[in-house]
Amino acid sequence: MFDKVTKKLISDQVFDLLKESITSGDMIPGDKLPSEIELAKKFGVSRPSVKAAVDKLKAFGLIESRAGDGTYVKKYSLAEYLRNFPDWALKEDNVGQLLELRRAIDSASLMLAIQHANEEDIRLLSDLCSHLTESARKGDYEETSRFDYAFHLQICKTSRNRYFLMIYEMIENVIKEQIRIFSHNYLRANVGRSYVDDHAILLEAIRQKDYEKGENALRAMLDRRNLTKV
């Protein structure tokens, strides 16, 4: 009925407060942040906690440092923010929700890809599948994960829906990191054959215009990822 209470780092609390000020419009692009010493006094926390929060805001693309001048709020960009949150998104509590998002986008993209795929699309997917197979055979999980992401991105492109593609590219870093961790764990467990088969079946489903076949393969693929510890 209730979620477990978890302790939150002080730096994360400071980050959340500053992020809320920026994303809500209380602080606007061009506004200068108080110094770390001033922020530490304001929040009643240590300077290292403030520094960690400020560094995180920079990593997310919400603020920028100007040499010899201080730190300023940047123009807020949701796309840039989303591209820079893999560490947050891949916390254990969020992995399932990330896979639900992927399942929704990948399933809809697959359905449209089956409708729109031409010979060139099939060739591109086939090449990527071959590279993925070879990388998995060698146990090179970095290369395998790179071709895995490229394969799914190509399905998204083949859907001819620019908004699916836009969302996929916005969360590119998160998906890539999730795939990288999964492929490492999966190949290390010596079950690379199933990993490769999933993609080969997806390719054949698009070639044969068989949505049910592709959807079953996609569901099995993502279900396995949900069961793999990150």
Protein backbone atom coordinates (compact mmCIF):
# COMPACT_ATOMS: atom_id res chain seq x y z
CA MET A 1 0.00 0.00 0.00
CA PHE A 2 2.84 2.38 0.84
CA ASP A 3 6.26 2.83 -0.78
CA LYS A 4 9.31 2.41 1.39
CA VAL A 5 10.76 5.59 2.84
CA THR A 6 14.22 6.22 1.44
CA LYS A 7 16.90 8.59 2.64
CA LYS A 8 17.85 11.21 0.10
CA LEU A 9 21.29 12.75 -0.15
CA ILE A 10 21.39 16.39 0.92
CA SER A 11 23.01 17.28 -2.40
CA ASP A 12 20.06 15.68 -4.23
CA GLN A 13 17.62 17.73 -2.14
CA VAL A 14 19.49 20.92 -3.01
CA PHE A 15 19.55 19.87 -6.67
CA ASP A 16 15.77 19.29 -6.65
CA LEU A 17 15.09 22.69 -5.10
CA LEU A 18 17.32 24.53 -7.57
CA LYS A 19 15.98 22.52 -10.52
CA GLU A 20 12.41 23.33 -9.51
CA SER A 21 13.27 27.04 -9.37
CA ILE A 22 14.65 26.85 -12.91
CA THR A 23 12.01 24.64 -14.54
CA SER A 24 9.12 26.51 -12.89
CA GLY A 25 10.38 29.87 -14.13
CA ASP A 26 11.26 31.34 -10.73
CA MET A 27 14.77 31.65 -12.11
CA ILE A 28 14.99 32.52 -15.79
CA PRO A 29 17.77 32.24 -18.39
CA GLY A 30 20.44 34.82 -17.67
CA ASP A 31 19.82 34.89 -13.92
CA LYS A 32 22.97 34.52 -11.87
CA LEU A 33 23.06 31.87 -9.16
CA PRO A 34 24.23 32.90 -5.70
CA SER A 35 27.72 31.69 -4.84
CA GLU A 36 28.16 28.24 -3.37
CA ILE A 37 28.88 29.82 0.03
CA GLU A 38 25.66 31.86 -0.17
CA LEU A 39 23.63 28.83 -1.24
CA ALA A 40 25.10 26.76 1.60
CA LYS A 41 23.97 29.41 4.09
CA LYS A 42 20.56 29.74 2.46
CA PHE A 43 19.86 25.98 2.55
CA GLY A 44 21.65 25.37 5.84
CA VAL A 45 23.90 22.69 4.32
CA SER A 46 27.60 22.16 3.68
CA ARG A 47 29.39 23.71 0.73
CA PRO A 48 30.38 20.27 -0.73
CA SER A 49 26.66 19.36 -0.86
CA VAL A 50 25.94 22.56 -2.76
CA LYS A 51 28.88 21.97 -5.10
CA ALA A 52 27.62 18.45 -5.90
CA ALA A 53 24.14 19.85 -6.66
CA VAL A 54 25.55 22.62 -8.87
CA ASP A 55 27.75 20.16 -10.75
CA LYS A 56 24.69 18.00 -11.40
CA LEU A 57 22.73 21.00 -12.71
CA LYS A 58 25.60 21.71 -15.10
CA ALA A 59 25.64 18.09 -16.27
CA PHE A 60 21.92 18.32 -17.00
CA GLY A 61 22.47 21.44 -19.08
CA LEU A 62 20.44 23.73 -16.82
CA ILE A 63 23.22 26.12 -15.81
CA GLU A 64 26.61 27.20 -17.11
CA SER A 65 29.74 28.69 -15.61
CA ARG A 66 31.24 31.84 -17.08
CA ALA A 67 34.94 32.19 -16.41
CA GLY A 68 35.61 34.87 -13.81
CA ASP A 69 31.94 35.85 -13.66
CA GLY A 70 29.91 33.15 -11.94
CA THR A 71 27.21 30.63 -12.74
CA TYR A 72 24.11 31.45 -14.78
CA VAL A 73 20.82 29.80 -15.69
CA LYS A 74 20.79 28.57 -19.29
CA LYS A 75 17.84 28.66 -21.64
CA TYR A 76 15.79 25.64 -20.54
CA SER A 77 15.73 22.82 -23.08
CA LEU A 78 13.68 19.70 -22.32
CA ALA A 79 15.52 17.80 -25.05
CA GLU A 80 18.94 18.62 -23.56
CA TYR A 81 17.69 17.79 -20.07
CA LEU A 82 16.39 14.39 -21.17
CA ARG A 83 19.60 13.58 -23.01
CA ASN A 84 21.54 14.04 -19.79
CA PHE A 85 19.70 11.98 -17.19
CA PRO A 86 20.85 8.35 -17.63
CA ASP A 87 22.20 8.09 -14.08
CA TRP A 88 18.85 9.12 -12.63
CA ALA A 89 16.72 7.10 -15.04
CA LEU A 90 18.67 3.90 -14.49
CA LYS A 91 18.10 3.76 -10.76
CA GLU A 92 16.45 0.47 -9.89
CA ASP A 93 13.05 2.06 -9.18
CA ASN A 94 12.92 3.62 -12.66
CA VAL A 95 14.11 0.79 -14.92
CA GLY A 96 10.68 -0.80 -15.21
CA GLN A 97 9.06 2.49 -16.21
CA LEU A 98 11.78 3.15 -18.77
CA LEU A 99 11.12 -0.25 -20.33
CA GLU A 100 7.39 0.52 -20.41
CA LEU A 101 8.18 3.68 -22.37
CA ARG A 102 10.42 1.72 -24.74
CA ARG A 103 7.76 -0.94 -25.17
CA ALA A 104 5.19 1.69 -26.15
CA ILE A 105 7.46 3.44 -28.66
CA ASP A 106 9.03 0.27 -30.07
CA SER A 107 5.67 -1.47 -30.49
CA ALA A 108 4.06 1.46 -32.28
CA SER A 109 7.19 2.00 -34.40
CA LEU A 110 7.25 -1.68 -35.33
CA MET A 111 3.64 -1.61 -36.51
CA LEU A 112 4.29 1.40 -38.74
CA ALA A 113 7.67 0.05 -39.91
CA ILE A 114 5.93 -3.11 -41.12
CA GLN A 115 3.56 -0.93 -43.13
CA HIS A 116 6.20 1.38 -44.62
CA ALA A 117 9.43 -0.63 -44.91
CA ASN A 118 10.96 -0.69 -48.39
CA GLU A 119 13.94 -2.64 -49.76
CA GLU A 120 16.44 -0.04 -48.57
CA ASP A 121 15.02 -0.13 -45.03
CA ILE A 122 15.26 -3.93 -45.00
CA ARG A 123 18.86 -3.75 -46.24
CA LEU A 124 19.84 -1.29 -43.50
CA LEU A 125 18.18 -3.40 -40.80
CA SER A 126 19.77 -6.56 -42.17
CA ASP A 127 23.24 -4.99 -42.12
CA LEU A 128 22.77 -3.83 -38.53
CA CYS A 129 21.50 -7.25 -37.49
CA SER A 130 24.55 -8.89 -39.08
CA HIS A 131 26.92 -6.54 -37.25
CA LEU A 132 25.06 -7.16 -33.98
CA THR A 133 25.30 -10.94 -34.49
CA GLU A 134 29.03 -10.78 -35.16
CA SER A 135 29.67 -8.54 -32.15
CA ALA A 136 27.67 -10.84 -29.87
CA ARG A 137 29.54 -13.87 -31.23
CA LYS A 138 32.83 -12.21 -30.28
CA GLY A 139 31.47 -11.26 -26.85
CA ASP A 140 32.08 -7.57 -27.54
CA TYR A 141 29.24 -6.09 -25.53
CA GLU A 142 30.16 -2.46 -26.28
CA GLU A 143 29.86 -3.05 -30.03
CA THR A 144 26.79 -5.24 -29.52
CA SER A 145 25.00 -2.54 -27.55
CA ARG A 146 25.92 0.07 -30.16
CA PHE A 147 24.40 -1.99 -32.98
CA ASP A 148 21.43 -2.91 -30.77
CA TYR A 149 20.54 0.77 -30.31
CA ALA A 150 21.15 1.49 -34.01
CA PHE A 151 18.85 -1.40 -34.97
CA HIS A 152 15.94 -0.12 -32.88
CA LEU A 153 16.58 3.45 -33.98
CA GLN A 154 16.37 2.28 -37.60
CA ILE A 155 13.00 0.64 -36.90
CA CYS A 156 11.89 3.99 -35.48
CA LYS A 157 13.10 5.75 -38.62
CA THR A 158 11.34 3.17 -40.79
CA SER A 159 8.06 3.99 -39.05
CA ARG A 160 8.16 7.35 -40.89
CA ASN A 161 6.81 9.00 -37.75
CA ARG A 162 9.04 11.93 -36.92
CA TYR A 163 7.60 12.29 -33.39
CA PHE A 164 8.50 8.74 -32.40
CA LEU A 165 11.99 9.39 -33.73
CA MET A 166 12.17 12.70 -31.87
CA ILE A 167 11.30 11.06 -28.54
CA TYR A 168 13.72 8.19 -29.15
CA GLU A 169 16.56 10.60 -29.86
CA MET A 170 15.65 12.80 -26.88
CA ILE A 171 16.19 9.89 -24.50
CA GLU A 172 19.06 8.44 -26.53
CA ASN A 173 21.60 8.41 -23.70
CA VAL A 174 19.22 6.66 -21.33
CA ILE A 175 18.31 3.94 -23.83
CA LYS A 176 21.95 3.46 -24.84
CA GLU A 177 23.06 3.04 -21.24
CA GLN A 178 20.23 0.60 -20.47
CA ILE A 179 21.13 -1.44 -23.57
CA ARG A 180 24.84 -1.33 -22.72
CA ILE A 181 24.30 -2.68 -19.21
CA PHE A 182 21.83 -5.31 -20.41
CA SER A 183 24.02 -6.56 -23.25
CA HIS A 184 27.01 -6.82 -20.90
CA ASN A 185 25.04 -8.88 -18.37
CA TYR A 186 23.37 -11.00 -21.04
CA LEU A 187 26.50 -11.85 -22.99
CA ARG A 188 28.45 -12.47 -19.80
CA ALA A 189 25.79 -15.03 -18.83
CA ASN A 190 26.53 -16.90 -22.11
CA VAL A 191 23.02 -16.55 -23.50
CA GLY A 192 23.93 -14.39 -26.49
CA ARG A 193 22.10 -16.71 -28.88
CA SER A 194 18.66 -15.63 -27.64
CA TYR A 195 19.83 -12.03 -27.64
CA VAL A 196 20.64 -12.26 -31.35
CA ASP A 197 17.56 -14.34 -32.22
CA ASP A 198 15.23 -11.63 -30.92
CA HIS A 199 16.60 -9.14 -33.44
CA ALA A 200 16.64 -11.64 -36.31
CA ILE A 201 12.97 -12.43 -35.67
CA LEU A 202 12.11 -8.72 -35.64
CA LEU A 203 13.88 -8.31 -38.97
CA GLU A 204 12.00 -11.24 -40.49
CA ALA A 205 8.69 -9.93 -39.14
CA ILE A 206 9.25 -6.60 -40.88
CA ARG A 207 10.35 -8.34 -44.07
CA GLN A 208 7.28 -10.62 -43.99
CA LYS A 209 4.96 -7.83 -42.77
CA ASP A 210 3.94 -10.03 -39.84
CA TYR A 211 3.11 -7.73 -36.92
CA GLU A 212 2.09 -10.50 -34.50
CA LYS A 213 5.41 -12.28 -34.99
CA GLY A 214 7.36 -9.07 -34.46
CA GLU A 215 5.33 -8.00 -31.45
CA ASN A 216 5.86 -11.37 -29.76
CA ALA A 217 9.62 -11.11 -30.32
CA LEU A 218 9.67 -7.53 -29.06
CA ARG A 219 7.69 -8.43 -25.94
CA ALA A 220 10.01 -11.36 -25.18
CA MET A 221 13.05 -9.14 -25.69
CA LEU A 222 11.89 -6.40 -23.34
CA ASP A 223 10.56 -8.86 -20.77
CA ARG A 224 14.01 -10.42 -20.56
CA ARG A 225 15.52 -6.98 -20.05
CA ASN A 226 13.10 -6.26 -17.24
CA LEU A 227 14.28 -9.41 -15.48
CA THR A 228 17.97 -8.56 -15.91
CA LYS A 229 19.50 -6.71 -12.98
CA VAL A 230 20.95 -3.37 -13.95
